[in-house]
Every structure is written in C-alpha cells, then in structure tokens.
C-alpha cells in the first residue's frame, strides 16, 4: 500500500482510506439500507490488516452509529495497530431520521465532545467541517475548530464539500489542512478549479465516492438498482435511475474491457484513476463487509499509465455525449 503526506500536516495516509458512511445503516435520511454491525466491525479490522491506516467517518452517519462502530472496532485492536481517525461536524440530529445544519460554536463543541466519546479517543486526528452550511456560519465554525485544535481535542482541521471562495475565507483565519470533495470518473468537477487551488496552497485532498457510490465497481446492474431499498438514498439518485443508469452501465462495460487488459478489476481502475492526480492524498473507499475492502485495497498498489488514462478519457467523452443527447431529448419533451 502506497502512502502520501496529507498537505502540510504530519499525517502520512495510506492512499486507500476506509469510508464508513454506509455502515451507519438505513435509519436516517442519507442511509445505505440495513447494516449488520458485526460485519461492519469485521470490515474495519480487515481494512487495517490489508494496510489501510486511516478511517473516515462523521457524526451524522447513522446519527452517531458509524462513529460508535468505528470506536468499538478500533478499541479492540492492539494499540500499535490502531488507525488514524478522521470525522466531521456541522450536521446534527433533527429527529425522525432527519438532519440539521449548524456551525455555531456551541453546536460544534457539543458535536466534538460526543464524537470523542463514541470514538473512544482523547484526540481526533483530523476534524472536518462536513458542509459549508449555513454559509454565513462557516467562519464561526472554523474558529471553533481552531480552538479545539489549540485545546488538544483534535490534531488537524480540514473541511469537506467547500468551494474555492469558501476555502479562501477560512484560510485567512487558519490554514486548511485538507479538503474532502466527491471525486470519481462520473463526478469530476473539482478538477477544474478546486484541485489546482488545493495543490497551490498545500491543502491535502481526500476524495469520497471514488467508485461512484458503487456504480463504478463493475458489479452493479439494472436489477440491483431496481431492488435498492427505500432506506438506501441511492434509490433516489438520478444516476441510479433510467436513463442515466443505462448510460453509466454502458460506460462501465467499456471500463471493464480496459481493466481486463490490465489484469485489474473495474473498482481498482476507478480508484487508480482518482489517485493519478498529484493533489490527491487518498481515496476513501467504503466497505460494509470484510471482503469488500479486500477487493479494493489492492488499488493502493496500482499506478495508472498515460495510455490507460487516455483510454478512459475516450470513454468519458462518449458518456458525456450520451448524457448531452439525453438532455436534448428531455428538453424536447418539455
């Protein structure tokens, strides 16, 4: 497993990190369906076994459930084997499985204290503002994270889902250690402005959903999309519905041909594509069962050539044309 330094911090992260969004279960607005807790804990332990040295979670995942499972799993590991832990604040429990948005000082402090307890740690390695919402509160939230760092409650502070203008506002208060954006072959907008800014300002980039929430694993199909539980937020995602679904699956068929020639899987190809960017420190790969991380951690040893990048780009261009054609059809119907 390769490792890379996170921005200007002292955190040397494995290029594949374990994402724990899905193990939060399905009893909240952005869940992934029912989850077996024992399998989740086993997946966390197996990730460490195969060389993953950091875990990404958030207070809102399962409204505390994901952090609780991470804390339990890590506590059962020998002290010397325990991974670094990153978590997030800014999303709160609004009741009935819904989530609230607050970056006010009192709320952030309360969230941090609750996360420390659930994770069973004295200090969080990387604490991130989950979303820049409400936008007018991001400075207050960031100043609170700075204070938490001074108090020793967190080691490093970063953000998730912020744009360049928001990063600049926060940078004027305290350096931003990292940004966590969505980034994959089918969600690559951050390449245009955000990634170059991070590279120029030594802000580490850790990407979530590098496999497009499962679409880019090579194991997704129409039947599986149709059978997604109502508790799985992907059942409401247009990319998992016709006509986008068929376009995405055709794209994956092309990726499969490229991966086969390399002796890789589509999942490995998708992760390696994300890691080809010099600004990227790590790709956050979700796993709900041990075998899932076993199948994807190997991507941390893969290096994508320029020729392969070009082949993928050819498929991406075809996908863009298909989506543009779809938009034209939809507009004609209006």
Protein backbone atom coordinates (compact mmCIF):
# COMPACT_ATOMS: atom_id res chain seq x y z
CA UNK A 1 0.00 0.00 0.00
CA UNK A 2 1.38 3.38 -1.00
CA UNK A 3 1.22 6.28 1.45
CA UNK A 4 1.16 10.05 0.87
CA UNK A 5 1.57 13.02 3.17
CA UNK A 6 -1.62 14.99 3.75
CA UNK A 7 -0.90 18.55 2.64
CA UNK A 8 1.44 20.29 5.07
CA UNK A 9 0.48 18.05 8.02
CA UNK A 10 2.43 15.20 9.57
CA UNK A 11 -0.28 12.67 8.67
CA UNK A 12 1.09 10.04 6.29
CA UNK A 13 -2.03 8.37 4.94
CA UNK A 14 -2.47 5.15 3.01
CA UNK A 15 -3.70 6.06 -0.47
CA UNK A 16 -6.81 3.99 0.22
CA UNK A 17 -8.74 5.08 3.30
CA UNK A 18 -11.74 3.27 4.76
CA UNK A 19 -15.04 5.11 4.39
CA UNK A 20 -17.79 4.36 6.91
CA UNK A 21 -20.76 6.28 5.52
CA UNK A 22 -22.62 3.10 4.62
CA UNK A 23 -22.20 1.31 7.95
CA UNK A 24 -24.41 3.94 9.55
CA UNK A 25 -27.36 1.86 8.33
CA UNK A 26 -30.66 2.98 6.87
CA UNK A 27 -32.49 4.73 9.67
CA UNK A 28 -31.64 8.26 8.55
CA UNK A 29 -32.14 10.49 5.52
CA UNK A 30 -28.96 9.52 3.64
CA UNK A 31 -28.58 5.91 4.71
CA UNK A 32 -27.49 2.94 2.62
CA UNK A 33 -30.03 0.40 3.85
CA UNK A 34 -29.85 -2.08 6.72
CA UNK A 35 -26.39 -2.96 8.02
CA UNK A 36 -25.05 -5.88 10.04
CA UNK A 37 -22.99 -4.37 12.87
CA UNK A 38 -20.72 -7.40 13.28
CA UNK A 39 -19.89 -7.32 9.58
CA UNK A 40 -19.12 -3.61 9.82
CA UNK A 41 -16.71 -4.15 12.70
CA UNK A 42 -15.08 -7.04 10.87
CA UNK A 43 -14.65 -4.83 7.79
CA UNK A 44 -12.87 -2.16 9.85
CA UNK A 45 -10.48 -4.69 11.34
CA UNK A 46 -9.83 -6.30 7.96
CA UNK A 47 -9.04 -2.90 6.45
CA UNK A 48 -6.23 -2.49 8.97
CA UNK A 49 -4.99 -6.00 8.16
CA UNK A 50 -4.64 -5.16 4.46
CA UNK A 51 -2.72 -1.93 5.01
CA UNK A 52 -5.32 0.82 5.41
CA UNK A 53 -4.02 3.18 8.09
CA UNK A 54 -6.89 5.65 8.40
CA UNK A 55 -10.67 5.68 8.74
CA UNK A 56 -13.06 8.41 7.67
CA UNK A 57 -16.39 8.77 9.46
CA UNK A 58 -18.81 11.50 10.53
CA UNK A 59 -21.15 12.23 13.42
CA UNK A 60 -24.13 12.28 11.06
CA UNK A 61 -23.54 8.83 9.52
CA UNK A 62 -26.37 6.86 11.08
CA UNK A 63 -26.75 9.76 13.54
CA UNK A 64 -23.82 8.51 15.61
CA UNK A 65 -23.98 4.83 14.73
CA UNK A 66 -20.99 4.82 12.37
CA UNK A 67 -18.74 6.54 14.91
CA UNK A 68 -19.88 4.11 17.60
CA UNK A 69 -18.97 1.10 15.44
CA UNK A 70 -15.62 2.64 14.49
CA UNK A 71 -14.87 3.29 18.17
CA UNK A 72 -15.74 -0.26 19.15
CA UNK A 73 -13.68 -1.83 16.36
CA UNK A 74 -10.60 0.33 16.94
CA UNK A 75 -10.71 -0.24 20.70
CA UNK A 76 -10.49 -3.99 20.06
CA UNK A 77 -7.27 -3.59 18.05
CA UNK A 78 -3.79 -3.62 19.66
CA UNK A 79 -2.73 -0.05 20.43
CA UNK A 80 0.13 -0.16 17.93
CA UNK A 81 -2.18 -1.24 15.11
CA UNK A 82 -4.88 1.38 15.57
CA UNK A 83 -5.55 3.55 12.51
CA UNK A 84 -5.80 7.31 12.33
CA UNK A 85 -9.36 8.59 12.61
CA UNK A 86 -10.99 11.45 10.71
CA UNK A 87 -14.52 12.60 11.47
CA UNK A 88 -16.76 15.58 10.81
CA UNK A 89 -19.10 18.13 12.37
CA UNK A 90 -21.80 20.52 11.19
CA UNK A 91 -24.64 18.06 10.70
CA UNK A 92 -26.93 17.38 13.66
CA UNK A 93 -29.79 15.08 14.61
CA UNK A 94 -33.04 16.91 13.85
CA UNK A 95 -35.23 13.97 14.89
CA UNK A 96 -37.19 11.40 12.88
CA UNK A 97 -34.05 10.40 10.99
CA UNK A 98 -33.62 13.91 9.58
CA UNK A 99 -30.53 16.06 9.84
CA UNK A 100 -29.97 19.66 10.88
CA UNK A 101 -27.27 22.14 9.83
CA UNK A 102 -25.28 24.17 12.33
CA UNK A 103 -21.75 25.54 12.57
CA UNK A 104 -22.42 27.66 15.63
CA UNK A 105 -19.77 27.42 18.31
CA UNK A 106 -21.84 25.67 20.97
CA UNK A 107 -23.10 23.10 18.48
CA UNK A 108 -19.63 22.29 17.12
CA UNK A 109 -18.19 21.91 20.62
CA UNK A 110 -21.03 19.59 21.64
CA UNK A 111 -20.55 17.53 18.48
CA UNK A 112 -16.82 17.20 19.11
CA UNK A 113 -17.33 16.02 22.69
CA UNK A 114 -19.94 13.48 21.54
CA UNK A 115 -17.64 12.21 18.79
CA UNK A 116 -14.74 11.77 21.20
CA UNK A 117 -16.93 9.61 23.42
CA UNK A 118 -18.34 7.49 20.60
CA UNK A 119 -14.90 7.00 19.06
CA UNK A 120 -13.38 6.23 22.48
CA UNK A 121 -10.41 8.53 21.87
CA UNK A 122 -8.92 11.57 23.61
CA UNK A 123 -7.99 13.34 20.39
CA UNK A 124 -9.34 13.20 16.81
CA UNK A 125 -6.59 13.05 14.19
CA UNK A 126 -8.46 15.05 11.54
CA UNK A 127 -11.61 17.03 12.32
CA UNK A 128 -13.55 18.39 9.36
CA UNK A 129 -16.48 20.75 8.76
CA UNK A 130 -18.81 18.44 6.86
CA UNK A 131 -20.60 21.02 4.70
CA UNK A 132 -20.30 24.84 4.39
CA UNK A 133 -23.86 25.24 5.61
CA UNK A 134 -25.15 27.59 6.74
CA UNK A 135 -22.66 29.56 4.68
CA UNK A 136 -22.85 32.57 6.99
CA UNK A 137 -21.64 30.39 9.88
CA UNK A 138 -18.52 28.88 8.32
CA UNK A 139 -16.17 31.41 9.93
CA UNK A 140 -17.68 30.78 13.37
CA UNK A 141 -17.41 27.04 12.84
CA UNK A 142 -13.83 27.26 11.62
CA UNK A 143 -12.75 29.49 14.51
CA UNK A 144 -14.24 26.89 16.84
CA UNK A 145 -12.23 24.12 15.16
CA UNK A 146 -9.10 26.24 15.59
CA UNK A 147 -9.86 26.50 19.33
CA UNK A 148 -10.46 22.74 19.57
CA UNK A 149 -7.06 22.20 17.98
CA UNK A 150 -5.41 24.55 20.50
CA UNK A 151 -7.12 22.62 23.30
CA UNK A 152 -5.70 19.31 22.03
CA UNK A 153 -9.11 17.84 21.25
CA UNK A 154 -8.13 17.49 17.56
CA UNK A 155 -4.74 17.30 15.82
CA UNK A 156 -5.53 18.77 12.42
CA UNK A 157 -8.53 20.57 10.95
CA UNK A 158 -9.99 20.42 7.46
CA UNK A 159 -13.22 20.76 5.52
CA UNK A 160 -15.47 18.79 3.20
CA UNK A 161 -17.54 19.94 0.20
CA UNK A 162 -16.23 23.53 0.25
CA UNK A 163 -15.53 25.61 -2.87
CA UNK A 164 -12.54 27.86 -3.54
CA UNK A 165 -14.13 31.07 -2.27
CA UNK A 166 -15.06 29.36 1.00
CA UNK A 167 -11.58 27.87 1.35
CA UNK A 168 -10.11 31.35 0.89
CA UNK A 169 -12.33 32.75 3.64
CA UNK A 170 -11.17 30.07 6.04
CA UNK A 171 -7.52 30.28 5.01
CA UNK A 172 -7.48 33.90 6.16
CA UNK A 173 -8.26 32.66 9.68
CA UNK A 174 -6.16 29.48 9.87
CA UNK A 175 -4.56 27.18 7.28
CA UNK A 176 -6.88 24.46 5.98
CA UNK A 177 -5.17 21.08 6.30
CA UNK A 178 -7.42 19.18 3.92
CA UNK A 179 -10.44 19.19 1.66
CA UNK A 180 -12.75 16.20 1.19
CA UNK A 181 -14.71 16.50 -2.07
CA UNK A 182 -16.65 13.92 -4.07
CA UNK A 183 -14.42 12.78 -6.93
CA UNK A 184 -14.78 9.99 -9.42
CA UNK A 185 -14.88 9.40 -13.16
CA UNK A 186 -18.56 10.39 -13.14
CA UNK A 187 -18.18 13.32 -10.72
CA UNK A 188 -15.05 15.24 -11.66
CA UNK A 189 -15.99 18.93 -11.44
CA UNK A 190 -13.35 19.54 -8.74
CA UNK A 191 -10.61 19.09 -11.36
CA UNK A 192 -11.37 22.47 -12.91
CA UNK A 193 -10.67 24.94 -10.10
CA UNK A 194 -10.71 23.34 -6.66
CA UNK A 195 -7.91 20.79 -7.08
CA UNK A 196 -5.44 23.26 -8.59
CA UNK A 197 -6.17 25.66 -5.73
CA UNK A 198 -5.51 22.92 -3.18
CA UNK A 199 -2.27 21.97 -4.90
CA UNK A 200 -1.04 25.57 -4.92
CA UNK A 201 -1.93 26.05 -1.25
CA UNK A 202 -0.70 22.70 0.10
CA UNK A 203 -4.20 21.60 1.08
CA UNK A 204 -4.40 17.82 1.12
CA UNK A 205 -7.25 16.25 -0.88
CA UNK A 206 -9.01 13.11 0.33
CA UNK A 207 -11.77 12.08 -2.06
CA UNK A 208 -15.03 10.37 -1.24
CA UNK A 209 -17.16 8.15 -3.51
CA UNK A 210 -14.26 7.32 -5.89
CA UNK A 211 -16.34 4.39 -7.16
CA UNK A 212 -19.46 6.49 -7.73
CA UNK A 213 -21.35 5.01 -4.76
CA UNK A 214 -20.95 1.56 -6.29
CA UNK A 215 -21.70 2.34 -9.94
CA UNK A 216 -18.00 2.05 -10.83
CA UNK A 217 -17.34 -1.30 -9.16
CA UNK A 218 -18.30 -3.44 -12.13
CA UNK A 219 -20.82 -5.36 -10.04
CA UNK A 220 -23.79 -3.01 -10.41
CA UNK A 221 -26.63 -3.69 -12.85
CA UNK A 222 -30.22 -2.69 -13.65
CA UNK A 223 -31.72 -5.36 -11.42
CA UNK A 224 -29.65 -4.29 -8.44
CA UNK A 225 -30.62 -0.66 -8.97
CA UNK A 226 -34.28 -1.63 -9.18
CA UNK A 227 -34.03 -3.58 -5.93
CA UNK A 228 -32.40 -0.82 -3.87
CA UNK A 229 -34.17 -0.43 -0.53
CA UNK A 230 -36.17 2.71 0.24
CA UNK A 231 -33.72 3.07 3.13
CA UNK A 232 -30.90 3.38 0.60
CA UNK A 233 -30.55 7.00 -0.55
CA UNK A 234 -29.22 5.80 -3.92
CA UNK A 235 -32.77 4.74 -4.80
CA UNK A 236 -33.49 8.48 -5.14
CA UNK A 237 -30.27 9.37 -7.02
CA UNK A 238 -30.85 10.11 -10.76
CA UNK A 239 -27.58 8.38 -11.65
CA UNK A 240 -29.12 5.11 -10.46
CA UNK A 241 -32.31 5.62 -12.46
CA UNK A 242 -33.17 5.40 -16.16
CA UNK A 243 -31.97 6.86 -18.49
CA UNK A 244 -28.76 7.87 -16.69
CA UNK A 245 -28.35 4.37 -15.25
CA UNK A 246 -28.13 2.71 -18.66
CA UNK A 247 -25.60 5.30 -19.87
CA UNK A 248 -23.48 4.75 -16.76
CA UNK A 249 -23.62 0.97 -17.09
CA UNK A 250 -22.55 1.16 -20.74
CA UNK A 251 -19.62 3.30 -19.62
CA UNK A 252 -18.69 0.66 -17.02
CA UNK A 253 -18.79 -2.04 -19.71
CA UNK A 254 -16.09 -0.13 -21.54
CA UNK A 255 -14.09 0.25 -18.33
CA UNK A 256 -14.30 -3.49 -17.81
CA UNK A 257 -12.54 -4.10 -21.14
CA UNK A 258 -9.72 -1.75 -20.14
CA UNK A 259 -9.42 -3.32 -16.69
CA UNK A 260 -9.29 -6.85 -18.09
CA UNK A 261 -6.37 -5.94 -20.35
CA UNK A 262 -4.51 -4.68 -17.27
CA UNK A 263 -5.41 -7.66 -15.11
CA UNK A 264 -7.30 -5.31 -12.79
CA UNK A 265 -10.92 -5.01 -11.73
CA UNK A 266 -13.14 -2.06 -12.65
CA UNK A 267 -13.05 -0.98 -8.98
CA UNK A 268 -9.25 -0.93 -9.00
CA UNK A 269 -9.25 1.06 -12.24
CA UNK A 270 -11.71 3.59 -10.80
CA UNK A 271 -9.65 4.12 -7.66
CA UNK A 272 -6.35 4.30 -9.56
CA UNK A 273 -7.91 6.94 -11.84
CA UNK A 274 -8.67 9.12 -8.79
CA UNK A 275 -5.19 8.58 -7.35
CA UNK A 276 -3.49 9.63 -10.61
CA UNK A 277 -3.98 13.29 -9.63
CA UNK A 278 -0.93 14.70 -7.76
CA UNK A 279 -3.18 16.77 -5.48
CA UNK A 280 -4.93 13.67 -4.15
CA UNK A 281 -3.60 12.16 -0.95
CA UNK A 282 -6.10 9.33 -0.57
CA UNK A 283 -9.29 7.82 -1.97
CA UNK A 284 -11.93 6.99 0.65
CA UNK A 285 -13.31 3.55 -0.18
CA UNK A 286 -16.45 2.33 1.54
CA UNK A 287 -16.82 -1.22 2.84
CA UNK A 288 -19.72 -2.87 4.66
CA UNK A 289 -18.17 -6.35 4.75
CA UNK A 290 -14.56 -7.60 5.06
CA UNK A 291 -14.43 -9.00 1.53
CA UNK A 292 -15.25 -5.59 0.06
CA UNK A 293 -12.13 -3.92 1.41
CA UNK A 294 -10.08 -6.98 0.50
CA UNK A 295 -11.16 -6.47 -3.12
CA UNK A 296 -10.43 -2.73 -3.25
CA UNK A 297 -7.39 -2.18 -1.02
CA UNK A 298 -5.15 -3.61 -3.74
CA UNK A 299 -5.88 -0.45 -5.72
CA UNK A 300 -3.38 1.20 -3.38
CA UNK A 301 -0.63 -0.60 -5.32
CA UNK A 302 -1.90 0.33 -8.78
CA UNK A 303 -0.40 3.12 -10.88
CA UNK A 304 -2.24 4.33 -13.96
CA UNK A 305 -0.27 4.97 -17.15
CA UNK A 306 -0.87 7.86 -19.53
CA UNK A 307 -2.09 5.41 -22.18
CA UNK A 308 -4.71 3.99 -19.82
CA UNK A 309 -5.75 7.48 -18.77
CA UNK A 310 -6.28 8.29 -22.45
CA UNK A 311 -8.44 5.18 -22.97
CA UNK A 312 -10.60 6.14 -20.01
CA UNK A 313 -10.92 9.69 -21.31
CA UNK A 314 -12.21 8.36 -24.64
CA UNK A 315 -14.99 6.53 -22.76
CA UNK A 316 -15.70 9.61 -20.66
CA UNK A 317 -16.15 11.65 -23.82
CA UNK A 318 -18.63 9.09 -25.15
CA UNK A 319 -20.53 9.17 -21.86
CA UNK A 320 -20.69 12.98 -21.97
CA UNK A 321 -22.09 12.85 -25.49
CA UNK A 322 -24.74 10.34 -24.40
CA UNK A 323 -25.76 12.48 -21.45
CA UNK A 324 -25.92 15.57 -23.65
CA UNK A 325 -28.14 13.70 -26.09
CA UNK A 326 -30.37 12.65 -23.20
CA UNK A 327 -30.68 16.28 -22.08
CA UNK A 328 -31.72 17.24 -25.58
CA UNK A 329 -34.45 14.61 -25.60
CA UNK A 330 -35.72 15.72 -22.18
CA UNK A 331 -35.81 19.37 -23.26
CA UNK A 332 -37.73 18.45 -26.41
CA UNK A 333 -40.37 16.78 -24.29
CA UNK A 334 -40.94 19.86 -22.13
